[in-house]
């Protein structure tokens, strides 16, 4: 019998056979085209192909020639975040408490790394800055995460990798449609002839298009504006309705400037996450792990000290304290890479007609590339409990959060 499938081995078997770690195999798959086969969710390897690949990529060295030094760690790390997106407020906590600087000093003693913070108006602008190399690590909403993954398939120097999640909400809670106080819009039927504003190519824009396409019969019109322009329009009554993410629906209620529709959520779970260029991460692993340690510390602070976190966010953003406190208590601050969360992103990818399939990708056109080994390293360094496979493949835990 010559069936090659009989030769396939699991990742664990490959680790034992070649004496390498899981993170090394994952890095080779992402950055050096290590051959593999995916059967369902299982990644399998042909040992003969892997052995040939290792020999092809091996470097034969003259013993008299010293090994090259490892790549220099970046002297500056630029973090992109969005202070006007509540589910990504953890970088503000990191910045105000100087958590990243603290972790960098521990990961890289004697090698100072300057931290710069880039507050952006939208996730897509941060993706553009990552592609240009001006931002190294960024907090993004679920739709910009998917956009980054798709763009990395057509741009040879950009390798978008999901490092961790940030704020999460079930069933799309955290994105709603706010209507001005002089509007007669009260529900879906009224939206059919309305003009609705939202940020282009955002998580809110995606959900609005999906909502209108599946539910409303009529001629609803979407007008693209920045979130600030939409908010100012609601205040000035020049905007009828806007698809908005928190904190703006909460601000609408707080100031009594209108009503909020679909508070129960629009669509799948609303997820935000931390993304980097995988090629940069491979050269700066210590920086990535330091960032994720700071990220986990910020989450713990927001879960255990919500009142102090709310005051810090209110001071940094200018949003009213009752608004920041209410939102922090409702959001799940959990970095863990659950299988169900990855599948939610993949459904979002598959449902977006603007992203044509390129084929040949890992797991098909909707696969999301994540690098859990960095988060695992950060969690172990902080002596956090291991995120066991039975947790990873289940529902969100009510006891274990990262």
Protein backbone atom coordinates (compact mmCIF):
# COMPACT_ATOMS: atom_id res chain seq x y z
CA UNK A 1 0.00 0.00 0.00
CA UNK A 2 1.36 3.44 -0.91
CA UNK A 3 -1.20 5.70 0.75
CA UNK A 4 0.86 8.69 1.90
CA UNK A 5 -1.76 9.60 4.50
CA UNK A 6 -0.48 6.66 6.62
CA UNK A 7 2.73 8.63 7.19
CA UNK A 8 1.00 11.65 8.73
CA UNK A 9 1.90 12.55 12.29
CA UNK A 10 0.45 15.01 14.80
CA UNK A 11 2.13 18.22 15.93
CA UNK A 12 3.06 16.60 19.24
CA UNK A 13 4.67 13.66 17.43
CA UNK A 14 6.60 16.09 15.24
CA UNK A 15 7.81 17.99 18.31
CA UNK A 16 9.07 14.74 19.83
CA UNK A 17 10.58 13.48 16.57
CA UNK A 18 12.53 16.65 15.71
CA UNK A 19 13.15 17.91 19.24
CA UNK A 20 11.48 21.29 18.73
CA UNK A 21 8.80 23.22 20.58
CA UNK A 22 5.22 23.93 19.52
CA UNK A 23 6.01 27.64 19.20
CA UNK A 24 8.87 26.81 16.81
CA UNK A 25 6.59 24.71 14.60
CA UNK A 26 3.92 27.44 14.61
CA UNK A 27 6.52 30.05 13.70
CA UNK A 28 7.88 27.91 10.86
CA UNK A 29 4.36 27.41 9.51
CA UNK A 30 3.60 31.12 9.54
CA UNK A 31 6.86 32.58 8.32
CA UNK A 32 8.84 29.88 6.50
CA UNK A 33 6.20 27.80 4.69
CA UNK A 34 6.68 24.58 6.61
CA UNK A 35 4.54 22.00 4.72
CA UNK A 36 1.50 20.73 6.62
CA UNK A 37 -1.94 19.27 6.00
CA UNK A 38 -5.11 20.33 7.79
CA UNK A 39 -7.82 17.71 8.35
CA UNK A 40 -10.76 19.46 9.98
CA UNK A 41 -9.17 21.32 12.88
CA UNK A 42 -6.22 18.93 13.14
CA UNK A 43 -2.85 20.00 11.75
CA UNK A 44 -0.88 16.98 10.49
CA UNK A 45 2.63 16.69 9.10
CA UNK A 46 4.36 14.29 6.74
CA UNK A 47 7.68 13.47 8.49
CA UNK A 48 9.48 12.86 5.20
CA UNK A 49 8.38 16.25 3.85
CA UNK A 50 9.32 17.96 7.10
CA UNK A 51 12.73 16.28 7.15
CA UNK A 52 13.38 17.40 3.56
CA UNK A 53 12.22 20.92 4.48
CA UNK A 54 14.57 21.03 7.50
CA UNK A 55 17.51 19.92 5.35
CA UNK A 56 16.67 22.53 2.71
CA UNK A 57 16.54 25.32 5.29
CA UNK A 58 19.48 24.16 7.37
CA UNK A 59 22.56 26.38 7.39
CA UNK A 60 25.89 24.57 7.00
CA UNK A 61 28.39 26.56 9.04
CA UNK A 62 32.16 26.58 9.14
CA UNK A 63 33.07 25.95 12.82
CA UNK A 64 35.55 28.81 12.63
CA UNK A 65 32.77 31.27 11.79
CA UNK A 66 30.80 32.42 14.85
CA UNK A 67 27.03 32.11 14.88
CA UNK A 68 25.27 35.34 13.91
CA UNK A 69 23.85 37.41 16.72
CA UNK A 70 20.08 37.33 17.16
CA UNK A 71 18.10 40.10 15.57
CA UNK A 72 18.24 43.34 17.51
CA UNK A 73 15.21 44.12 19.63
CA UNK A 74 13.40 47.23 18.48
CA UNK A 75 14.48 50.36 20.35
CA UNK A 76 10.94 51.74 20.04
CA UNK A 77 7.60 49.96 20.10
CA UNK A 78 4.56 51.86 18.84
CA UNK A 79 1.20 50.72 20.17
CA UNK A 80 -1.97 51.59 18.29
CA UNK A 81 -5.21 51.89 20.22
CA UNK A 82 -8.60 53.61 20.02
CA UNK A 83 -9.55 55.62 23.10
CA UNK A 84 -13.05 56.18 21.68
CA UNK A 85 -13.76 52.43 21.49
CA UNK A 86 -14.71 51.12 24.93
CA UNK A 87 -13.94 47.46 24.30
CA UNK A 88 -10.32 48.50 23.70
CA UNK A 89 -9.77 50.59 26.81
CA UNK A 90 -7.14 48.23 28.24
CA UNK A 91 -4.25 50.08 26.46
CA UNK A 92 -5.29 53.23 28.33
CA UNK A 93 -4.86 51.36 31.62
CA UNK A 94 -1.50 50.06 30.39
CA UNK A 95 -0.41 53.56 29.43
CA UNK A 96 -1.58 55.28 32.62
CA UNK A 97 -0.05 52.65 34.94
CA UNK A 98 3.08 52.27 32.76
CA UNK A 99 2.55 48.53 32.75
CA UNK A 100 4.29 47.98 29.42
CA UNK A 101 7.40 49.90 30.47
CA UNK A 102 7.53 47.82 33.65
CA UNK A 103 7.28 44.52 31.78
CA UNK A 104 9.81 45.57 29.13
CA UNK A 105 12.36 46.36 31.83
CA UNK A 106 11.87 42.86 33.19
CA UNK A 107 11.97 41.08 29.83
CA UNK A 108 14.90 43.10 28.49
CA UNK A 109 17.05 44.24 31.44
CA UNK A 110 19.66 46.76 30.40
CA UNK A 111 18.08 47.27 26.96
CA UNK A 112 15.71 50.24 27.17
CA UNK A 113 12.78 50.23 24.77
CA UNK A 114 10.82 53.45 24.30
CA UNK A 115 7.02 53.10 24.13
CA UNK A 116 4.97 55.36 21.87
CA UNK A 117 1.17 55.38 21.86
CA UNK A 118 -0.85 56.09 18.70
CA UNK A 119 -4.50 56.96 19.38
CA UNK A 120 -6.39 56.32 16.12
CA UNK A 121 -9.88 57.14 14.90
CA UNK A 122 -10.53 53.70 13.39
CA UNK A 123 -9.23 50.16 13.26
CA UNK A 124 -8.61 50.22 9.54
CA UNK A 125 -6.28 53.21 9.88
CA UNK A 126 -4.26 51.16 12.39
CA UNK A 127 -4.08 48.26 9.94
CA UNK A 128 -2.71 50.67 7.34
CA UNK A 129 -0.09 51.92 9.80
CA UNK A 130 0.93 48.35 10.67
CA UNK A 131 1.39 47.57 6.98
CA UNK A 132 3.61 50.67 6.70
CA UNK A 133 5.60 49.62 9.79
CA UNK A 134 4.63 52.72 11.78
CA UNK A 135 2.60 50.73 14.35
CA UNK A 136 3.89 47.45 15.76
CA UNK A 137 1.05 46.19 17.97
CA UNK A 138 -2.56 47.35 17.71
CA UNK A 139 -5.93 46.83 19.36
CA UNK A 140 -8.59 46.23 16.70
CA UNK A 141 -12.28 45.40 16.42
CA UNK A 142 -13.36 42.12 14.89
CA UNK A 143 -13.93 43.39 11.36
CA UNK A 144 -10.53 45.20 11.11
CA UNK A 145 -8.94 41.99 12.46
CA UNK A 146 -10.47 40.10 9.54
CA UNK A 147 -9.45 42.82 7.07
CA UNK A 148 -5.86 42.61 8.30
CA UNK A 149 -5.84 38.84 7.90
CA UNK A 150 -7.10 39.14 4.33
CA UNK A 151 -4.61 41.86 3.42
CA UNK A 152 -1.73 39.76 4.74
CA UNK A 153 -2.50 37.23 2.01
CA UNK A 154 -1.79 39.68 -0.76
CA UNK A 155 1.00 41.77 0.81
CA UNK A 156 4.26 39.78 1.04
CA UNK A 157 5.76 41.74 3.94
CA UNK A 158 2.62 41.83 6.09
CA UNK A 159 1.71 38.78 8.18
CA UNK A 160 -1.25 39.70 10.40
CA UNK A 161 -1.34 37.54 13.52
CA UNK A 162 -3.92 37.59 16.31
CA UNK A 163 -2.07 37.55 19.65
CA UNK A 164 -4.93 37.80 22.15
CA UNK A 165 -8.45 39.03 22.59
CA UNK A 166 -9.42 42.17 24.50
CA UNK A 167 -12.98 43.18 25.41
CA UNK A 168 -15.75 40.72 24.49
CA UNK A 169 -19.55 40.96 24.54
CA UNK A 170 -22.11 38.30 23.76
CA UNK A 171 -24.42 38.54 20.72
CA UNK A 172 -22.97 41.77 19.44
CA UNK A 173 -23.82 43.77 22.57
CA UNK A 174 -21.75 46.92 22.57
CA UNK A 175 -22.80 47.86 19.04
CA UNK A 176 -26.22 49.48 18.67
CA UNK A 177 -28.12 51.98 16.56
CA UNK A 178 -28.60 55.34 18.21
CA UNK A 179 -31.35 57.63 16.93
CA UNK A 180 -31.67 61.35 17.62
CA UNK A 181 -34.33 62.63 20.00
CA UNK A 182 -36.25 64.32 17.18
CA UNK A 183 -36.33 61.17 15.06
CA UNK A 184 -39.45 59.09 14.56
CA UNK A 185 -37.42 55.91 14.18
CA UNK A 186 -38.55 53.38 16.74
CA UNK A 187 -37.69 50.02 15.19
CA UNK A 188 -36.76 48.03 12.12
CA UNK A 189 -39.73 49.13 10.03
CA UNK A 190 -38.77 52.78 10.45
CA UNK A 191 -35.21 52.18 9.31
CA UNK A 192 -36.29 51.21 5.78
CA UNK A 193 -36.34 54.81 4.57
CA UNK A 194 -33.77 56.30 6.97
CA UNK A 195 -30.26 57.58 6.38
CA UNK A 196 -27.93 55.83 8.83
CA UNK A 197 -24.36 56.90 9.44
CA UNK A 198 -21.45 54.72 10.55
CA UNK A 199 -17.68 54.39 10.26
CA UNK A 200 -16.65 52.74 6.96
CA UNK A 201 -15.11 49.25 7.11
CA UNK A 202 -15.73 48.97 10.83
CA UNK A 203 -17.36 46.33 13.03
CA UNK A 204 -20.44 48.55 13.24
CA UNK A 205 -20.54 49.04 9.45
CA UNK A 206 -20.38 45.29 8.87
CA UNK A 207 -23.20 44.57 11.32
CA UNK A 208 -25.34 47.40 9.95
CA UNK A 209 -25.03 46.12 6.39
CA UNK A 210 -25.87 42.62 7.50
CA UNK A 211 -28.87 43.84 9.50
CA UNK A 212 -30.25 45.90 6.64
CA UNK A 213 -29.58 43.24 4.05
CA UNK A 214 -31.36 40.51 5.99
CA UNK A 215 -34.24 42.32 7.63
CA UNK A 216 -35.27 45.63 6.11
CA UNK A 217 -37.18 45.92 2.87
CA UNK A 218 -36.87 49.39 1.48
CA UNK A 219 -34.25 51.95 0.62
CA UNK A 220 -32.26 52.56 3.77
CA UNK A 221 -29.17 54.61 2.97
CA UNK A 222 -25.81 54.21 4.69
CA UNK A 223 -23.64 57.30 4.92
CA UNK A 224 -20.03 56.89 5.98
CA UNK A 225 -18.69 59.28 8.60
CA UNK A 226 -16.23 59.19 11.47
CA UNK A 227 -17.68 58.33 14.85
CA UNK A 228 -17.14 61.88 16.08
CA UNK A 229 -19.00 63.27 13.06
CA UNK A 230 -21.89 60.89 13.70
CA UNK A 231 -22.01 61.78 17.38
CA UNK A 232 -21.91 65.51 16.66
CA UNK A 233 -24.67 64.99 14.08
CA UNK A 234 -26.88 63.24 16.64
CA UNK A 235 -26.32 66.07 19.11
CA UNK A 236 -27.11 68.66 16.46
CA UNK A 237 -30.07 66.64 15.13
CA UNK A 238 -28.62 66.56 11.63
CA UNK A 239 -28.20 62.77 11.79
CA UNK A 240 -31.28 60.56 12.06
CA UNK A 241 -29.57 57.39 13.16
CA UNK A 242 -26.09 55.95 13.51
CA UNK A 243 -24.64 52.46 14.03
CA UNK A 244 -22.29 53.04 16.95
CA UNK A 245 -20.08 51.13 19.34
CA UNK A 246 -19.67 51.83 23.02
CA UNK A 247 -19.32 54.30 24.66
CA UNK A 248 -21.59 56.24 22.25
CA UNK A 249 -24.85 54.33 22.85
CA UNK A 250 -24.28 54.81 26.59
CA UNK A 251 -23.52 58.50 26.02
CA UNK A 252 -26.80 58.81 24.10
CA UNK A 253 -28.71 57.49 27.10
CA UNK A 254 -26.65 59.47 29.62
CA UNK A 255 -27.18 62.85 27.95
CA UNK A 256 -30.76 62.06 26.89
CA UNK A 257 -30.01 62.99 23.29
CA UNK A 258 -31.91 60.09 21.72
CA UNK A 259 -32.88 56.45 21.89
CA UNK A 260 -30.89 53.25 21.44
CA UNK A 261 -32.15 50.35 19.34
CA UNK A 262 -30.98 46.70 19.52
CA UNK A 263 -29.41 46.96 22.96
CA UNK A 264 -29.55 43.17 23.09
CA UNK A 265 -26.99 43.04 20.31
CA UNK A 266 -26.65 42.82 16.55
CA UNK A 267 -25.33 39.48 15.32
CA UNK A 268 -22.47 37.34 16.61
CA UNK A 269 -20.38 38.07 19.69
CA UNK A 270 -18.59 41.41 19.48
CA UNK A 271 -14.86 40.74 19.84
CA UNK A 272 -11.81 42.99 19.96
CA UNK A 273 -8.23 41.82 19.94
CA UNK A 274 -4.50 42.49 19.80
CA UNK A 275 -2.80 42.10 16.40
CA UNK A 276 0.78 42.38 15.17
CA UNK A 277 2.83 41.64 12.10
CA UNK A 278 4.07 38.07 12.63
CA UNK A 279 7.38 38.80 10.96
CA UNK A 280 8.04 41.65 13.40
CA UNK A 281 6.94 39.45 16.32
CA UNK A 282 9.46 36.74 15.39
CA UNK A 283 12.27 39.30 15.61
CA UNK A 284 10.93 40.86 18.81
CA UNK A 285 9.52 37.99 20.84
CA UNK A 286 10.56 39.50 24.19
CA UNK A 287 8.70 42.73 23.36
CA UNK A 288 5.56 40.83 22.34
CA UNK A 289 5.57 38.75 25.53
CA UNK A 290 6.13 41.92 27.61
CA UNK A 291 3.16 43.56 25.89
CA UNK A 292 0.91 40.59 26.57
CA UNK A 293 1.98 40.46 30.21
CA UNK A 294 1.00 44.13 30.51
CA UNK A 295 -2.24 43.35 28.67
CA UNK A 296 -3.09 40.58 31.14
CA UNK A 297 -2.26 42.86 34.09
CA UNK A 298 -4.56 45.56 32.68
CA UNK A 299 -7.40 43.04 32.34
CA UNK A 300 -6.94 41.89 35.92
CA UNK A 301 -6.97 45.50 37.12
CA UNK A 302 -10.22 46.20 35.23
CA UNK A 303 -11.86 43.07 36.63
CA UNK A 304 -10.65 43.48 40.23
CA UNK A 305 -10.58 47.28 40.51
CA UNK A 306 -13.42 48.42 38.20
CA UNK A 307 -14.08 51.67 40.09
CA UNK A 308 -10.43 52.74 39.91
CA UNK A 309 -10.24 51.68 36.24
CA UNK A 310 -13.39 53.67 35.46
CA UNK A 311 -11.94 56.80 37.07
CA UNK A 312 -8.71 56.36 35.12
CA UNK A 313 -10.57 55.95 31.81
CA UNK A 314 -12.84 58.91 32.54
CA UNK A 315 -9.85 61.13 33.32
CA UNK A 316 -7.96 60.04 30.20
CA UNK A 317 -10.88 60.28 27.74
CA UNK A 318 -13.19 62.92 29.17
CA UNK A 319 -16.15 60.53 29.11
CA UNK A 320 -18.46 60.82 32.17
CA UNK A 321 -17.54 58.52 35.07
CA UNK A 322 -21.00 56.86 35.25
CA UNK A 323 -20.62 55.91 31.56
CA UNK A 324 -17.12 54.44 31.90
CA UNK A 325 -18.08 52.59 35.10
CA UNK A 326 -21.18 51.08 33.52
CA UNK A 327 -19.34 49.88 30.44
CA UNK A 328 -16.38 48.37 32.32
CA UNK A 329 -18.77 46.29 34.42
CA UNK A 330 -20.57 44.92 31.34
CA UNK A 331 -17.59 43.97 29.17
CA UNK A 332 -15.77 40.65 29.54
CA UNK A 333 -12.06 41.52 29.79
CA UNK A 334 -10.53 38.24 28.70
CA UNK A 335 -7.50 37.74 26.44
CA UNK A 336 -8.04 33.98 26.07
CA UNK A 337 -8.16 32.60 22.51
CA UNK A 338 -11.26 30.43 22.68
CA UNK A 339 -12.00 28.21 19.70
CA UNK A 340 -15.52 29.67 19.58
CA UNK A 341 -14.07 33.18 19.26
CA UNK A 342 -11.79 32.19 16.37
CA UNK A 343 -14.80 30.56 14.68
CA UNK A 344 -16.81 33.77 15.15
CA UNK A 345 -14.10 35.69 13.29
CA UNK A 346 -14.06 33.07 10.56
CA UNK A 347 -17.84 33.38 10.13
CA UNK A 348 -17.43 37.13 9.87
CA UNK A 349 -14.82 36.59 7.15
CA UNK A 350 -17.05 34.18 5.24
CA UNK A 351 -20.06 36.51 5.43
CA UNK A 352 -18.20 39.52 4.02
CA UNK A 353 -18.65 39.67 0.23
CA UNK A 354 -16.07 42.45 -0.08
CA UNK A 355 -13.30 39.96 0.73
CA UNK A 356 -12.96 37.52 -2.18
CA UNK A 357 -11.49 34.11 -1.52
CA UNK A 358 -7.85 33.75 -2.50
CA UNK A 359 -7.79 30.01 -1.94
CA UNK A 360 -4.89 27.94 -0.72
CA UNK A 361 -4.86 29.44 2.74
CA UNK A 362 -4.62 27.51 5.96
CA UNK A 363 -8.01 26.00 6.62
CA UNK A 364 -9.58 27.70 3.61
CA UNK A 365 -10.35 31.29 2.77
CA UNK A 366 -11.85 32.08 6.17
CA UNK A 367 -9.02 30.87 8.43
CA UNK A 368 -7.78 33.22 11.14
CA UNK A 369 -4.07 33.04 11.94
CA UNK A 370 -3.46 33.22 15.69
CA UNK A 371 -0.24 32.81 17.69
CA UNK A 372 -1.29 31.49 21.12
CA UNK A 373 2.28 30.64 22.08
CA UNK A 374 3.05 34.28 22.92
CA UNK A 375 0.02 34.56 25.22
CA UNK A 376 0.87 31.19 26.80
CA UNK A 377 4.41 32.45 27.52
CA UNK A 378 3.05 35.64 29.09
CA UNK A 379 0.57 33.71 31.23
CA UNK A 380 3.23 31.28 32.44
CA UNK A 381 5.57 34.18 33.28
CA UNK A 382 2.82 35.70 35.44
CA UNK A 383 2.19 32.30 37.11
CA UNK A 384 -1.36 32.20 35.78
CA UNK A 385 -3.07 28.82 35.48
CA UNK A 386 -2.63 27.06 32.15
CA UNK A 387 -5.46 27.54 29.68
CA UNK A 388 -6.38 23.89 29.27
CA UNK A 389 -7.68 22.43 25.96
CA UNK A 390 -11.05 21.58 27.51
CA UNK A 391 -11.48 25.27 28.35
CA UNK A 392 -10.24 26.46 24.97
CA UNK A 393 -12.82 24.37 23.11
CA UNK A 394 -15.75 25.19 25.39
CA UNK A 395 -17.92 28.17 26.24
CA UNK A 396 -16.57 31.24 28.00
CA UNK A 397 -15.58 30.25 31.53
CA UNK A 398 -17.27 32.02 34.42
CA UNK A 399 -14.26 31.40 36.68
CA UNK A 400 -11.11 31.52 34.57
CA UNK A 401 -10.32 34.77 32.76
CA UNK A 402 -7.06 36.14 31.40
